[in-house]
């Protein structure tokens, strides 16, 4: 039984090393490039851009896709994931590189604003305009609950702070009263 476990372990190690050996034997110093290529196949690509560039990229991608497809098809093709977390509200597929562009809450709110302004300023074909408008509304459904939660959390924090301040002041007042009532030697 022990011998089978050892053989199975070594077999797994040998299988894992085959791509490395193949890449190493035939590519010389380029094995790092091959390994990086293998890693990129197994891990989804994400892009990290600045907020203004992110909003511009998202707007351009949404506008271009909405010019060719209905909202439902555009949404299904562009939204890669929706985690609903502040750090990672959703990921949008880039129209140029097809990489996932991750939008945190601030980025998503900025994208909504840019789309809203885009709808006001630019004259687009009616179908494209409707699609972009639906996209802006859809993004609001993702971000509005989080914004509301943040607002409630801030209100609770402020209330808790006020309560703790009031309680500390009351305790200080009681201590001063006790000191005043205590006999002095």
N, C-alpha and C. Protein backbone atom coordinates (compact mmCIF):
# COMPACT_ATOMS: atom_id res chain seq x y z
N UNK A 1 0.83 -1.20 0.00
CA UNK A 1 0.00 0.00 0.00
C UNK A 1 0.87 1.25 0.00
N UNK A 2 1.90 1.25 0.84
CA UNK A 2 2.81 2.40 0.94
C UNK A 2 3.52 2.62 -0.39
N UNK A 3 3.88 1.55 -1.06
CA UNK A 3 4.58 1.66 -2.34
C UNK A 3 3.72 2.30 -3.40
N UNK A 4 2.42 2.02 -3.41
CA UNK A 4 1.51 2.61 -4.38
C UNK A 4 1.39 4.12 -4.18
N UNK A 5 1.33 4.54 -2.91
CA UNK A 5 1.22 5.97 -2.62
C UNK A 5 2.45 6.72 -3.13
N UNK A 6 3.62 6.16 -2.89
CA UNK A 6 4.85 6.80 -3.34
C UNK A 6 4.88 6.85 -4.86
N UNK A 7 4.51 5.75 -5.50
CA UNK A 7 4.50 5.70 -6.97
C UNK A 7 3.50 6.71 -7.52
N UNK A 8 2.33 6.83 -6.91
CA UNK A 8 1.32 7.78 -7.36
C UNK A 8 1.82 9.21 -7.21
N UNK A 9 2.48 9.49 -6.09
CA UNK A 9 3.02 10.83 -5.86
C UNK A 9 4.05 11.17 -6.92
N UNK A 10 4.98 10.24 -7.19
CA UNK A 10 6.01 10.49 -8.20
C UNK A 10 5.40 10.61 -9.59
N UNK A 11 4.37 9.83 -9.85
CA UNK A 11 3.71 9.92 -11.15
C UNK A 11 3.09 11.29 -11.35
N UNK A 12 2.48 11.83 -10.30
CA UNK A 12 1.89 13.18 -10.39
C UNK A 12 2.94 14.24 -10.60
N UNK A 13 4.08 14.09 -9.92
CA UNK A 13 5.17 15.06 -10.08
C UNK A 13 5.70 15.00 -11.50
N UNK A 14 5.88 13.79 -12.02
CA UNK A 14 6.41 13.64 -13.37
C UNK A 14 5.45 14.22 -14.41
N UNK A 15 4.15 14.00 -14.23
CA UNK A 15 3.18 14.56 -15.16
C UNK A 15 3.18 16.08 -15.11
N UNK A 16 3.34 16.64 -13.93
CA UNK A 16 3.36 18.10 -13.80
C UNK A 16 4.60 18.69 -14.44
N UNK A 17 5.69 17.92 -14.50
CA UNK A 17 6.92 18.45 -15.05
C UNK A 17 7.01 18.31 -16.56
N UNK A 18 6.16 17.53 -17.19
CA UNK A 18 6.25 17.31 -18.64
C UNK A 18 6.18 18.62 -19.42
N UNK A 19 5.20 19.52 -19.17
CA UNK A 19 5.18 20.78 -19.94
C UNK A 19 6.44 21.61 -19.71
N UNK A 20 6.97 21.57 -18.49
CA UNK A 20 8.18 22.33 -18.20
C UNK A 20 9.35 21.75 -18.97
N UNK A 21 9.45 20.42 -18.98
CA UNK A 21 10.55 19.78 -19.70
C UNK A 21 10.45 20.03 -21.19
N UNK A 22 9.25 19.92 -21.74
CA UNK A 22 9.07 20.17 -23.17
C UNK A 22 9.45 21.60 -23.49
N UNK A 23 8.96 22.52 -22.71
CA UNK A 23 9.26 23.92 -22.95
C UNK A 23 10.74 24.19 -22.77
N UNK A 24 11.35 23.56 -21.76
CA UNK A 24 12.75 23.80 -21.47
C UNK A 24 13.66 23.19 -22.51
N UNK A 25 13.32 22.03 -23.03
CA UNK A 25 14.19 21.34 -23.98
C UNK A 25 14.26 22.06 -25.32
N UNK A 26 13.14 22.57 -25.76
CA UNK A 26 13.09 23.09 -27.12
C UNK A 26 13.17 24.60 -27.22
N UNK A 27 13.09 25.28 -26.12
CA UNK A 27 13.05 26.73 -26.23
C UNK A 27 14.27 27.41 -25.64
N UNK A 28 15.16 26.70 -25.01
CA UNK A 28 16.36 27.30 -24.46
C UNK A 28 16.03 28.33 -23.42
N UNK A 29 16.48 29.57 -23.61
CA UNK A 29 16.27 30.63 -22.63
C UNK A 29 14.85 31.18 -22.66
N UNK A 30 14.02 30.73 -23.58
CA UNK A 30 12.66 31.25 -23.68
C UNK A 30 11.67 30.45 -22.85
N UNK A 31 12.14 29.55 -22.00
CA UNK A 31 11.22 28.73 -21.21
C UNK A 31 10.36 29.60 -20.30
N UNK A 32 10.91 30.72 -19.83
CA UNK A 32 10.12 31.64 -19.01
C UNK A 32 8.94 32.20 -19.78
N UNK A 33 9.15 32.46 -21.07
CA UNK A 33 8.08 32.98 -21.92
C UNK A 33 6.99 31.93 -22.08
N UNK A 34 7.41 30.68 -22.28
CA UNK A 34 6.44 29.59 -22.42
C UNK A 34 5.66 29.40 -21.13
N UNK A 35 6.37 29.43 -20.00
CA UNK A 35 5.69 29.27 -18.72
C UNK A 35 4.73 30.42 -18.46
N UNK A 36 5.13 31.63 -18.83
CA UNK A 36 4.23 32.77 -18.68
C UNK A 36 3.01 32.59 -19.56
N UNK A 37 3.21 32.05 -20.76
CA UNK A 37 2.10 31.78 -21.65
C UNK A 37 1.16 30.74 -21.07
N UNK A 38 1.74 29.70 -20.46
CA UNK A 38 0.90 28.68 -19.81
C UNK A 38 0.12 29.27 -18.66
N UNK A 39 0.74 30.15 -17.89
CA UNK A 39 0.05 30.79 -16.77
C UNK A 39 -1.08 31.66 -17.27
N UNK A 40 -0.87 32.33 -18.40
CA UNK A 40 -1.92 33.22 -18.90
C UNK A 40 -3.11 32.45 -19.43
N UNK A 41 -2.88 31.20 -19.85
CA UNK A 41 -3.99 30.37 -20.31
C UNK A 41 -4.87 29.96 -19.14
N UNK A 42 -4.26 29.71 -17.99
CA UNK A 42 -5.02 29.21 -16.85
C UNK A 42 -5.62 30.32 -16.00
N UNK A 43 -5.12 31.55 -16.10
CA UNK A 43 -5.62 32.64 -15.28
C UNK A 43 -6.28 33.69 -16.16
N UNK A 44 -7.48 34.16 -15.78
CA UNK A 44 -8.13 35.19 -16.58
C UNK A 44 -7.34 36.50 -16.49
N UNK A 45 -7.29 37.18 -17.60
CA UNK A 45 -6.56 38.45 -17.62
C UNK A 45 -7.47 39.56 -17.12
N UNK A 46 -6.93 40.42 -16.30
CA UNK A 46 -7.65 41.59 -15.84
C UNK A 46 -6.77 42.79 -16.07
N UNK A 47 -7.39 43.93 -16.27
CA UNK A 47 -6.65 45.15 -16.51
C UNK A 47 -6.87 46.10 -15.37
N UNK A 48 -5.85 46.82 -14.99
CA UNK A 48 -5.96 47.83 -13.95
C UNK A 48 -5.64 49.18 -14.56
N UNK A 49 -6.64 49.99 -14.73
CA UNK A 49 -6.49 51.30 -15.35
C UNK A 49 -6.93 52.37 -14.36
N UNK A 50 -6.54 53.61 -14.61
CA UNK A 50 -6.97 54.71 -13.77
C UNK A 50 -8.47 54.94 -13.93
N UNK A 51 -9.12 55.63 -12.96
CA UNK A 51 -10.57 55.77 -12.99
C UNK A 51 -11.09 56.50 -14.23
N UNK A 52 -10.42 57.57 -14.67
CA UNK A 52 -10.91 58.28 -15.85
C UNK A 52 -10.74 57.44 -17.10
N UNK A 53 -9.60 56.78 -17.20
CA UNK A 53 -9.37 55.90 -18.36
C UNK A 53 -10.32 54.73 -18.33
N UNK A 54 -10.58 54.23 -17.13
CA UNK A 54 -11.49 53.11 -16.95
C UNK A 54 -12.90 53.47 -17.41
N UNK A 55 -13.37 54.63 -17.01
CA UNK A 55 -14.71 55.08 -17.41
C UNK A 55 -14.77 55.31 -18.92
N UNK A 56 -13.71 55.88 -19.49
CA UNK A 56 -13.68 56.12 -20.93
C UNK A 56 -13.68 54.80 -21.70
N UNK A 57 -12.87 53.85 -21.23
CA UNK A 57 -12.82 52.52 -21.87
C UNK A 57 -14.17 51.82 -21.77
N UNK A 58 -14.78 51.88 -20.57
CA UNK A 58 -16.08 51.24 -20.38
C UNK A 58 -17.16 51.88 -21.25
N UNK A 59 -17.16 53.19 -21.31
CA UNK A 59 -18.14 53.90 -22.13
C UNK A 59 -17.99 53.55 -23.60
N UNK A 60 -16.75 53.58 -24.08
CA UNK A 60 -16.50 53.28 -25.50
C UNK A 60 -16.92 51.85 -25.82
N UNK A 61 -16.60 50.93 -24.93
CA UNK A 61 -16.96 49.53 -25.15
C UNK A 61 -18.47 49.35 -25.16
N UNK A 62 -19.14 49.95 -24.20
CA UNK A 62 -20.61 49.82 -24.11
C UNK A 62 -21.26 50.46 -25.33
N UNK A 63 -20.81 51.66 -25.68
CA UNK A 63 -21.39 52.36 -26.83
C UNK A 63 -21.19 51.55 -28.11
N UNK A 64 -19.98 51.04 -28.32
CA UNK A 64 -19.70 50.26 -29.54
C UNK A 64 -20.54 48.98 -29.59
N UNK A 65 -20.65 48.30 -28.48
CA UNK A 65 -21.41 47.06 -28.44
C UNK A 65 -22.90 47.33 -28.60
N UNK A 66 -23.38 48.39 -27.96
CA UNK A 66 -24.80 48.74 -28.09
C UNK A 66 -25.15 49.18 -29.51
N UNK A 67 -24.16 49.64 -30.26
CA UNK A 67 -24.40 50.01 -31.66
C UNK A 67 -24.61 48.79 -32.54
N UNK A 68 -24.24 47.61 -32.05
CA UNK A 68 -24.33 46.40 -32.86
C UNK A 68 -25.33 45.38 -32.33
N UNK A 69 -25.68 45.47 -31.03
CA UNK A 69 -26.50 44.42 -30.42
C UNK A 69 -27.58 45.02 -29.53
N UNK A 70 -28.49 44.16 -29.14
CA UNK A 70 -29.50 44.58 -28.17
C UNK A 70 -28.86 44.66 -26.78
N UNK A 71 -29.58 45.27 -25.85
CA UNK A 71 -29.06 45.39 -24.48
C UNK A 71 -28.77 44.03 -23.87
N UNK A 72 -29.69 43.09 -23.99
CA UNK A 72 -29.51 41.77 -23.38
C UNK A 72 -28.26 41.09 -23.91
N UNK A 73 -28.07 41.11 -25.22
CA UNK A 73 -26.87 40.50 -25.79
C UNK A 73 -25.61 41.25 -25.38
N UNK A 74 -25.69 42.57 -25.37
CA UNK A 74 -24.53 43.38 -24.97
C UNK A 74 -24.17 43.11 -23.52
N UNK A 75 -25.17 43.07 -22.65
CA UNK A 75 -24.90 42.81 -21.23
C UNK A 75 -24.30 41.43 -21.03
N UNK A 76 -24.86 40.44 -21.68
CA UNK A 76 -24.34 39.07 -21.53
C UNK A 76 -22.94 38.93 -22.10
N UNK A 77 -22.63 39.68 -23.14
CA UNK A 77 -21.30 39.60 -23.74
C UNK A 77 -20.25 40.42 -23.02
N UNK A 78 -20.67 41.51 -22.39
CA UNK A 78 -19.70 42.42 -21.77
C UNK A 78 -19.48 42.18 -20.29
N UNK A 79 -20.51 41.86 -19.54
CA UNK A 79 -20.35 41.67 -18.10
C UNK A 79 -19.77 40.27 -17.87
N UNK A 80 -18.53 40.24 -17.41
CA UNK A 80 -17.84 38.97 -17.18
C UNK A 80 -18.27 38.38 -15.84
N UNK A 81 -18.31 39.23 -14.82
CA UNK A 81 -18.71 38.75 -13.49
C UNK A 81 -19.30 39.91 -12.70
N UNK A 82 -20.11 39.56 -11.71
CA UNK A 82 -20.73 40.52 -10.81
C UNK A 82 -20.56 40.01 -9.40
N UNK A 83 -19.59 40.54 -8.70
CA UNK A 83 -19.39 40.06 -7.34
C UNK A 83 -20.20 40.87 -6.34
N UNK A 84 -20.46 42.13 -6.68
CA UNK A 84 -21.23 42.96 -5.77
C UNK A 84 -20.45 43.39 -4.54
N UNK A 85 -19.13 43.35 -4.61
CA UNK A 85 -18.30 43.81 -3.51
C UNK A 85 -17.81 45.22 -3.82
N UNK A 86 -17.49 45.98 -2.78
CA UNK A 86 -17.01 47.34 -3.01
C UNK A 86 -15.74 47.35 -3.85
N UNK A 87 -14.86 46.40 -3.59
CA UNK A 87 -13.58 46.36 -4.28
C UNK A 87 -13.73 45.84 -5.69
N UNK A 88 -14.82 45.17 -5.98
CA UNK A 88 -14.95 44.44 -7.23
C UNK A 88 -16.44 44.30 -7.56
N UNK A 89 -17.08 45.40 -7.97
CA UNK A 89 -18.52 45.36 -8.22
C UNK A 89 -18.83 44.45 -9.40
N UNK A 90 -18.12 44.68 -10.50
CA UNK A 90 -18.31 43.85 -11.68
C UNK A 90 -17.07 43.94 -12.55
N UNK A 91 -16.98 43.02 -13.49
CA UNK A 91 -15.88 43.04 -14.47
C UNK A 91 -16.51 43.13 -15.84
N UNK A 92 -15.98 44.04 -16.64
CA UNK A 92 -16.48 44.30 -17.99
C UNK A 92 -15.43 43.85 -18.98
N UNK A 93 -15.85 43.17 -20.03
CA UNK A 93 -14.91 42.72 -21.05
C UNK A 93 -14.54 43.90 -21.94
N UNK A 94 -13.26 44.11 -22.11
CA UNK A 94 -12.77 45.19 -22.96
C UNK A 94 -13.12 44.90 -24.41
N UNK A 95 -13.53 45.91 -25.12
CA UNK A 95 -13.87 45.74 -26.53
C UNK A 95 -12.65 45.61 -27.42
N UNK A 96 -11.50 46.04 -26.93
CA UNK A 96 -10.30 45.98 -27.76
C UNK A 96 -9.43 44.77 -27.45
N UNK A 97 -9.22 44.47 -26.18
CA UNK A 97 -8.31 43.38 -25.82
C UNK A 97 -9.03 42.14 -25.32
N UNK A 98 -10.32 42.22 -25.07
CA UNK A 98 -11.13 41.14 -24.53
C UNK A 98 -10.71 40.73 -23.12
N UNK A 99 -9.86 41.52 -22.49
CA UNK A 99 -9.48 41.26 -21.10
C UNK A 99 -10.60 41.77 -20.19
N UNK A 100 -10.64 41.25 -18.98
CA UNK A 100 -11.63 41.71 -18.01
C UNK A 100 -11.14 43.00 -17.36
N UNK A 101 -11.99 44.01 -17.36
CA UNK A 101 -11.68 45.27 -16.70
C UNK A 101 -12.52 45.29 -15.43
N UNK A 102 -11.86 45.33 -14.28
CA UNK A 102 -12.56 45.25 -13.00
C UNK A 102 -12.92 46.66 -12.53
N UNK A 103 -14.18 46.85 -12.18
CA UNK A 103 -14.68 48.13 -11.69
C UNK A 103 -15.01 48.00 -10.21
N UNK A 104 -14.35 48.81 -9.38
CA UNK A 104 -14.74 48.87 -7.97
C UNK A 104 -15.92 49.84 -7.87
N UNK A 105 -16.40 50.08 -6.68
CA UNK A 105 -17.60 50.90 -6.52
C UNK A 105 -17.41 52.31 -7.06
N UNK A 106 -16.29 52.94 -6.75
CA UNK A 106 -16.04 54.30 -7.25
C UNK A 106 -15.96 54.33 -8.77
N UNK A 107 -15.28 53.35 -9.35
CA UNK A 107 -15.16 53.28 -10.81
C UNK A 107 -16.53 53.06 -11.46
N UNK A 108 -17.33 52.20 -10.85
CA UNK A 108 -18.66 51.91 -11.39
C UNK A 108 -19.56 53.15 -11.33
N UNK A 109 -19.47 53.90 -10.23
CA UNK A 109 -20.27 55.13 -10.12
C UNK A 109 -19.81 56.17 -11.14
N UNK A 110 -18.51 56.25 -11.36
CA UNK A 110 -17.99 57.18 -12.37
C UNK A 110 -18.45 56.76 -13.76
N UNK A 111 -18.43 55.47 -14.05
CA UNK A 111 -18.91 54.98 -15.34
C UNK A 111 -20.38 55.32 -15.53
N UNK A 112 -21.19 55.17 -14.49
CA UNK A 112 -22.60 55.55 -14.57
C UNK A 112 -22.75 57.02 -14.93
N UNK A 113 -21.97 57.88 -14.26
CA UNK A 113 -22.04 59.31 -14.53
C UNK A 113 -21.64 59.63 -15.97
N UNK A 114 -20.58 59.00 -16.43
CA UNK A 114 -20.12 59.25 -17.80
C UNK A 114 -21.17 58.79 -18.79
N UNK A 115 -21.76 57.62 -18.56
CA UNK A 115 -22.82 57.15 -19.45
C UNK A 115 -24.03 58.08 -19.43
N UNK A 116 -24.40 58.54 -18.24
CA UNK A 116 -25.53 59.47 -18.11
C UNK A 116 -25.26 60.76 -18.89
N UNK A 117 -24.05 61.31 -18.74
CA UNK A 117 -23.69 62.52 -19.47
C UNK A 117 -23.62 62.27 -20.97
N UNK A 118 -23.15 61.11 -21.34
CA UNK A 118 -23.07 60.72 -22.75
C UNK A 118 -24.47 60.71 -23.37
N UNK A 119 -25.43 60.20 -22.61
CA UNK A 119 -26.81 60.14 -23.10
C UNK A 119 -27.39 61.54 -23.30
N UNK A 120 -27.02 62.47 -22.43
CA UNK A 120 -27.53 63.84 -22.53
C UNK A 120 -26.90 64.60 -23.68
N UNK A 121 -25.60 64.38 -23.91
CA UNK A 121 -24.85 65.20 -24.87
C UNK A 121 -24.91 64.70 -26.30
N UNK A 122 -24.77 63.42 -26.51
CA UNK A 122 -24.62 62.89 -27.86
C UNK A 122 -25.93 62.42 -28.45
N UNK A 123 -26.09 62.70 -29.73
CA UNK A 123 -27.22 62.18 -30.47
C UNK A 123 -26.80 60.85 -31.08
N UNK A 124 -27.42 59.79 -30.64
CA UNK A 124 -27.09 58.46 -31.12
C UNK A 124 -28.33 57.88 -31.79
N UNK A 125 -28.14 56.86 -32.61
CA UNK A 125 -29.32 56.18 -33.14
C UNK A 125 -30.18 55.69 -31.97
N UNK A 126 -31.49 55.68 -32.14
CA UNK A 126 -32.42 55.42 -31.05
C UNK A 126 -32.18 54.07 -30.39
N UNK A 127 -31.89 53.02 -31.16
CA UNK A 127 -31.65 51.70 -30.58
C UNK A 127 -30.38 51.70 -29.72
N UNK A 128 -29.34 52.36 -30.21
CA UNK A 128 -28.09 52.45 -29.44
C UNK A 128 -28.33 53.27 -28.18
N UNK A 129 -29.07 54.36 -28.29
CA UNK A 129 -29.36 55.22 -27.15
C UNK A 129 -30.11 54.43 -26.08
N UNK A 130 -31.12 53.65 -26.50
CA UNK A 130 -31.90 52.84 -25.55
C UNK A 130 -31.02 51.81 -24.86
N UNK A 131 -30.14 51.18 -25.61
CA UNK A 131 -29.25 50.16 -25.06
C UNK A 131 -28.31 50.78 -24.02
N UNK A 132 -27.71 51.92 -24.35
CA UNK A 132 -26.80 52.60 -23.42
C UNK A 132 -27.57 53.02 -22.17
N UNK A 133 -28.79 53.51 -22.36
CA UNK A 133 -29.63 53.91 -21.23
C UNK A 133 -29.95 52.71 -20.34
N UNK A 134 -30.26 51.58 -20.94
CA UNK A 134 -30.54 50.38 -20.15
C UNK A 134 -29.29 49.91 -19.42
N UNK A 135 -28.13 50.05 -20.06
CA UNK A 135 -26.88 49.68 -19.41
C UNK A 135 -26.64 50.57 -18.20
N UNK A 136 -26.86 51.85 -18.35
CA UNK A 136 -26.67 52.79 -17.24
C UNK A 136 -27.62 52.43 -16.09
N UNK A 137 -28.86 52.11 -16.42
CA UNK A 137 -29.82 51.70 -15.40
C UNK A 137 -29.43 50.38 -14.75
N UNK A 138 -28.90 49.46 -15.53
CA UNK A 138 -28.45 48.18 -15.00
C UNK A 138 -27.30 48.37 -14.02
N UNK A 139 -26.36 49.22 -14.37
CA UNK A 139 -25.24 49.49 -13.47
C UNK A 139 -25.73 50.12 -12.17
N UNK A 140 -26.75 50.95 -12.25
CA UNK A 140 -27.33 51.53 -11.03
C UNK A 140 -27.91 50.45 -10.13
N UNK A 141 -28.51 49.41 -10.72
CA UNK A 141 -29.05 48.33 -9.89
C UNK A 141 -27.95 47.58 -9.16
N UNK A 142 -26.73 47.61 -9.72
CA UNK A 142 -25.61 46.96 -9.04
C UNK A 142 -25.03 47.84 -7.94
N UNK A 143 -24.99 49.15 -8.17
CA UNK A 143 -24.30 50.05 -7.24
C UNK A 143 -25.21 50.67 -6.19
N UNK A 144 -26.47 50.92 -6.52
CA UNK A 144 -27.37 51.60 -5.57
C UNK A 144 -27.49 50.89 -4.23
N UNK A 145 -27.64 49.57 -4.19
CA UNK A 145 -27.71 48.91 -2.87
C UNK A 145 -26.44 49.12 -2.05
N UNK A 146 -25.29 49.12 -2.70
CA UNK A 146 -24.03 49.32 -1.97
C UNK A 146 -23.91 50.75 -1.46
N UNK A 147 -24.34 51.71 -2.27
CA UNK A 147 -24.31 53.10 -1.84
C UNK A 147 -25.25 53.29 -0.65
N UNK A 148 -26.41 52.67 -0.71
CA UNK A 148 -27.38 52.75 0.40
C UNK A 148 -26.81 52.11 1.66
N UNK A 149 -26.15 50.95 1.50
CA UNK A 149 -25.52 50.30 2.65
C UNK A 149 -24.44 51.18 3.27
N UNK A 150 -23.65 51.84 2.42
CA UNK A 150 -22.61 52.74 2.92
C UNK A 150 -23.23 53.90 3.70
N UNK A 151 -24.32 54.43 3.18
CA UNK A 151 -25.00 55.54 3.84
C UNK A 151 -25.52 55.11 5.21
N UNK A 152 -26.15 53.94 5.25
CA UNK A 152 -26.65 53.43 6.53
C UNK A 152 -25.51 53.14 7.51
N UNK A 153 -24.43 52.58 7.01
CA UNK A 153 -23.28 52.28 7.87
C UNK A 153 -22.69 53.56 8.45
N UNK A 154 -22.62 54.60 7.64
CA UNK A 154 -22.09 55.88 8.13
C UNK A 154 -23.02 56.47 9.19
N UNK A 155 -24.32 56.36 8.95
CA UNK A 155 -25.28 56.85 9.94
C UNK A 155 -25.16 56.07 11.24
N UNK A 156 -25.03 54.75 11.14
CA UNK A 156 -24.86 53.92 12.34
C UNK A 156 -23.56 54.26 13.06
N UNK A 157 -22.49 54.47 12.30
CA UNK A 157 -21.21 54.84 12.91
C UNK A 157 -21.33 56.19 13.62
N UNK A 158 -22.00 57.15 12.98
CA UNK A 158 -22.17 58.46 13.59
C UNK A 158 -23.01 58.36 14.86
N UNK A 159 -24.07 57.56 14.81
CA UNK A 159 -24.92 57.38 15.99
C UNK A 159 -24.14 56.70 17.11
N UNK A 160 -23.39 55.68 16.76
CA UNK A 160 -22.59 54.98 17.77
C UNK A 160 -21.55 55.92 18.38
N UNK A 161 -20.95 56.77 17.56
CA UNK A 161 -19.96 57.72 18.04
C UNK A 161 -20.61 58.73 19.00
N UNK A 162 -21.78 59.23 18.60
CA UNK A 162 -22.49 60.17 19.47
C UNK A 162 -22.88 59.51 20.79
N UNK A 163 -23.37 58.27 20.70
CA UNK A 163 -23.75 57.54 21.92
C UNK A 163 -22.55 57.30 22.82
N UNK A 164 -21.43 56.91 22.24
CA UNK A 164 -20.24 56.64 23.07
C UNK A 164 -19.70 57.94 23.66
N UNK A 165 -19.78 59.04 22.92
CA UNK A 165 -19.35 60.34 23.45
C UNK A 165 -20.24 60.75 24.61
N UNK A 166 -21.54 60.61 24.42
CA UNK A 166 -22.50 60.95 25.47
C UNK A 166 -22.26 60.09 26.71
N UNK A 167 -22.01 58.80 26.50
CA UNK A 167 -21.77 57.89 27.61
C UNK A 167 -20.47 58.25 28.34
N UNK A 168 -19.44 58.59 27.60
CA UNK A 168 -18.17 58.98 28.23
C UNK A 168 -18.33 60.27 29.03
N UNK A 169 -19.10 61.21 28.49
CA UNK A 169 -19.34 62.47 29.22
C UNK A 169 -20.14 62.20 30.50
N UNK A 170 -21.10 61.31 30.43
CA UNK A 170 -21.91 60.96 31.60
C UNK A 170 -21.04 60.28 32.65
N UNK A 171 -20.17 59.39 32.22
CA UNK A 171 -19.28 58.70 33.16
C UNK A 171 -18.32 59.71 33.81
N UNK A 172 -17.81 60.64 33.05
CA UNK A 172 -16.92 61.68 33.59
C UNK A 172 -17.66 62.54 34.61
N UNK A 173 -18.91 62.89 34.32
CA UNK A 173 -19.73 63.67 35.25
C UNK A 173 -19.93 62.91 36.55
N UNK A 174 -20.23 61.60 36.45
CA UNK A 174 -20.43 60.78 37.65
C UNK A 174 -19.16 60.69 38.48
N UNK A 175 -18.03 60.55 37.82
CA UNK A 175 -16.75 60.47 38.54
C UNK A 175 -16.48 61.78 39.28
N UNK A 176 -16.77 62.89 38.63
CA UNK A 176 -16.57 64.19 39.29
C UNK A 176 -17.50 64.35 40.48
N UNK A 177 -18.75 63.90 40.36
CA UNK A 177 -19.70 63.95 41.48
C UNK A 177 -19.22 63.08 42.64
N UNK A 178 -18.72 61.89 42.31
CA UNK A 178 -18.21 60.99 43.36
C UNK A 178 -16.99 61.60 44.06
N UNK A 179 -16.14 62.26 43.30
CA UNK A 179 -14.97 62.92 43.91
C UNK A 179 -15.41 64.07 44.82
N UNK A 180 -16.44 64.79 44.39
CA UNK A 180 -16.92 65.93 45.18
C UNK A 180 -17.60 65.43 46.48
N UNK A 181 -18.29 64.31 46.43
CA UNK A 181 -18.97 63.77 47.59
C UNK A 181 -18.03 63.03 48.55
N UNK A 182 -16.92 62.57 48.01
CA UNK A 182 -15.98 61.79 48.83
C UNK A 182 -15.37 62.72 49.88
N UNK A 183 -15.23 62.17 51.14
CA UNK A 183 -14.64 63.00 52.22
C UNK A 183 -13.17 63.29 51.90
N UNK A 184 -12.79 64.51 52.20
CA UNK A 184 -11.40 64.93 51.96
C UNK A 184 -10.63 64.79 53.25
N UNK A 185 -9.44 64.27 53.19
CA UNK A 185 -8.61 64.07 54.37
C UNK A 185 -7.72 65.22 54.64
